[in-house]
Amino acid sequence: MNKIKANKRTLIRWKVYIDRARMYIGYIQFLMIGFVLLEAYKDTQLGQLIFDNLIISTPILFVLFIGLSLIIGRLDTVFGFREEELRNSSSSNPVMRELLMKIDELTEEVRELRKDK
């Protein structure tokens, strides 16, 4: 087996892989929380209805989960939370900040050149 290189780029790539996996694990955790919530209501009338008819209630709950997830995602898009999160993240990124400064400098130079004409 080849020697594993543990340089900065490799560690960052591994971190990205872990972050991606964490996102998928979050989906599983969300579903598990749903099942724990259902288990807590098992002794109620609604819980008994769900657990007595698992063949019917499982697909309904799955479609309901997907539907609610899509609605929450749509609301996130409508209210612009993701864009603002990315904007804040980008402004704290030194590489992105440097690029924005260069773009501002170039924009100012273009304005000056247009004035001179």
Protein backbone atom coordinates (compact mmCIF):
# COMPACT_ATOMS: atom_id res chain seq x y z
CA MET A 1 0.00 0.00 0.00
CA ASN A 2 1.25 3.45 -0.89
CA LYS A 3 2.27 5.82 1.81
CA ILE A 4 -0.55 8.22 2.73
CA LYS A 5 0.44 11.83 2.25
CA ALA A 6 -0.88 13.92 5.12
CA ASN A 7 -0.19 17.36 3.74
CA LYS A 8 -2.49 20.37 4.07
CA ARG A 9 -4.43 19.70 0.84
CA THR A 10 -5.08 16.09 1.78
CA LEU A 11 -6.33 17.04 5.24
CA ILE A 12 -8.65 19.67 3.77
CA ARG A 13 -9.98 17.17 1.21
CA TRP A 14 -10.64 14.68 4.02
CA LYS A 15 -12.46 17.40 5.98
CA VAL A 16 -14.69 18.07 2.96
CA TYR A 17 -15.47 14.35 2.72
CA ILE A 18 -16.36 14.26 6.41
CA ASP A 19 -18.57 17.34 6.05
CA ARG A 20 -20.42 15.73 3.15
CA ALA A 21 -20.92 12.53 5.12
CA ARG A 22 -22.13 14.55 8.09
CA MET A 23 -24.85 16.05 5.90
CA TYR A 24 -26.13 12.59 4.94
CA ILE A 25 -25.90 11.38 8.52
CA GLY A 26 -28.02 14.41 9.45
CA TYR A 27 -30.80 13.12 7.18
CA ILE A 28 -30.72 9.77 8.94
CA GLN A 29 -30.72 11.45 12.35
CA PHE A 30 -33.71 13.57 11.33
CA LEU A 31 -35.65 10.45 10.37
CA MET A 32 -34.64 8.74 13.62
CA ILE A 33 -35.89 11.72 15.63
CA GLY A 34 -39.18 11.37 13.77
CA PHE A 35 -39.41 7.72 14.76
CA VAL A 36 -38.57 8.54 18.38
CA LEU A 37 -41.31 11.17 18.34
CA LEU A 38 -43.76 8.63 16.94
CA GLU A 39 -42.69 6.15 19.60
CA ALA A 40 -43.44 8.74 22.28
CA TYR A 41 -46.99 9.04 20.93
CA LYS A 42 -47.42 5.27 20.56
CA ASP A 43 -49.94 5.05 23.40
CA THR A 44 -52.12 7.86 22.06
CA GLN A 45 -54.97 7.39 19.60
CA LEU A 46 -52.93 8.87 16.75
CA GLY A 47 -49.95 6.68 17.60
CA GLN A 48 -52.09 3.56 17.74
CA LEU A 49 -53.63 4.46 14.39
CA ILE A 50 -50.19 4.87 12.84
CA PHE A 51 -48.66 1.72 14.36
CA ASP A 52 -51.72 -0.44 13.69
CA ASN A 53 -51.58 0.51 9.99
CA LEU A 54 -47.83 0.62 9.34
CA ILE A 55 -48.20 -0.58 5.74
CA ILE A 56 -50.27 2.49 4.92
CA SER A 57 -48.81 5.00 7.36
CA THR A 58 -45.14 4.43 6.46
CA PRO A 59 -45.44 5.65 2.83
CA ILE A 60 -47.70 8.50 3.95
CA LEU A 61 -45.21 9.59 6.61
CA PHE A 62 -42.35 9.30 4.11
CA VAL A 63 -44.17 11.47 1.54
CA LEU A 64 -45.10 13.90 4.33
CA PHE A 65 -41.44 14.05 5.41
CA ILE A 66 -40.29 14.74 1.84
CA GLY A 67 -43.04 17.33 1.33
CA LEU A 68 -42.27 19.18 4.55
CA SER A 69 -38.56 19.11 3.74
CA LEU A 70 -39.25 20.64 0.33
CA ILE A 71 -41.46 23.33 1.87
CA ILE A 72 -38.81 24.20 4.46
CA GLY A 73 -36.16 24.30 1.72
CA ARG A 74 -38.37 26.54 -0.42
CA LEU A 75 -38.96 28.91 2.50
CA ASP A 76 -35.21 29.02 3.07
CA THR A 77 -34.78 30.06 -0.56
CA VAL A 78 -37.62 32.60 -0.50
CA PHE A 79 -36.35 34.30 2.64
CA GLY A 80 -32.74 34.22 1.31
CA PHE A 81 -31.14 32.59 4.33
CA ARG A 82 -28.75 30.51 2.20
CA GLU A 83 -27.58 33.50 0.15
CA GLU A 84 -26.95 35.55 3.28
CA GLU A 85 -25.11 32.63 4.88
CA LEU A 86 -22.89 32.31 1.81
CA ARG A 87 -22.32 36.07 1.71
CA ASN A 88 -21.18 36.07 5.36
CA SER A 89 -19.04 33.00 4.80
CA SER A 90 -17.44 34.53 1.71
CA SER A 91 -16.68 37.81 3.43
CA SER A 92 -14.73 35.97 6.12
CA ASN A 93 -12.81 33.95 3.52
CA PRO A 94 -9.45 35.72 2.91
CA VAL A 95 -9.17 34.48 -0.69
CA MET A 96 -12.65 35.69 -1.55
CA ARG A 97 -12.02 39.00 0.20
CA GLU A 98 -8.88 39.49 -1.89
CA LEU A 99 -10.79 38.72 -5.09
CA LEU A 100 -13.51 41.22 -4.16
CA MET A 101 -10.89 43.89 -3.49
CA LYS A 102 -9.29 43.24 -6.90
CA ILE A 103 -12.69 43.46 -8.59
CA ASP A 104 -13.38 46.76 -6.83
CA GLU A 105 -9.98 48.09 -7.97
CA LEU A 106 -10.63 47.00 -11.56
CA THR A 107 -14.10 48.54 -11.50
CA GLU A 108 -12.65 51.84 -10.31
CA GLU A 109 -10.00 51.74 -13.04
CA VAL A 110 -12.66 51.11 -15.68
CA ARG A 111 -14.67 54.09 -14.38
CA GLU A 112 -11.61 56.31 -14.58
CA LEU A 113 -10.84 55.15 -18.11
CA ARG A 114 -14.44 55.88 -19.18
CA LYS A 115 -14.21 59.38 -17.67
CA ASP A 116 -11.02 60.08 -19.62
CA LYS A 117 -12.68 59.31 -22.97
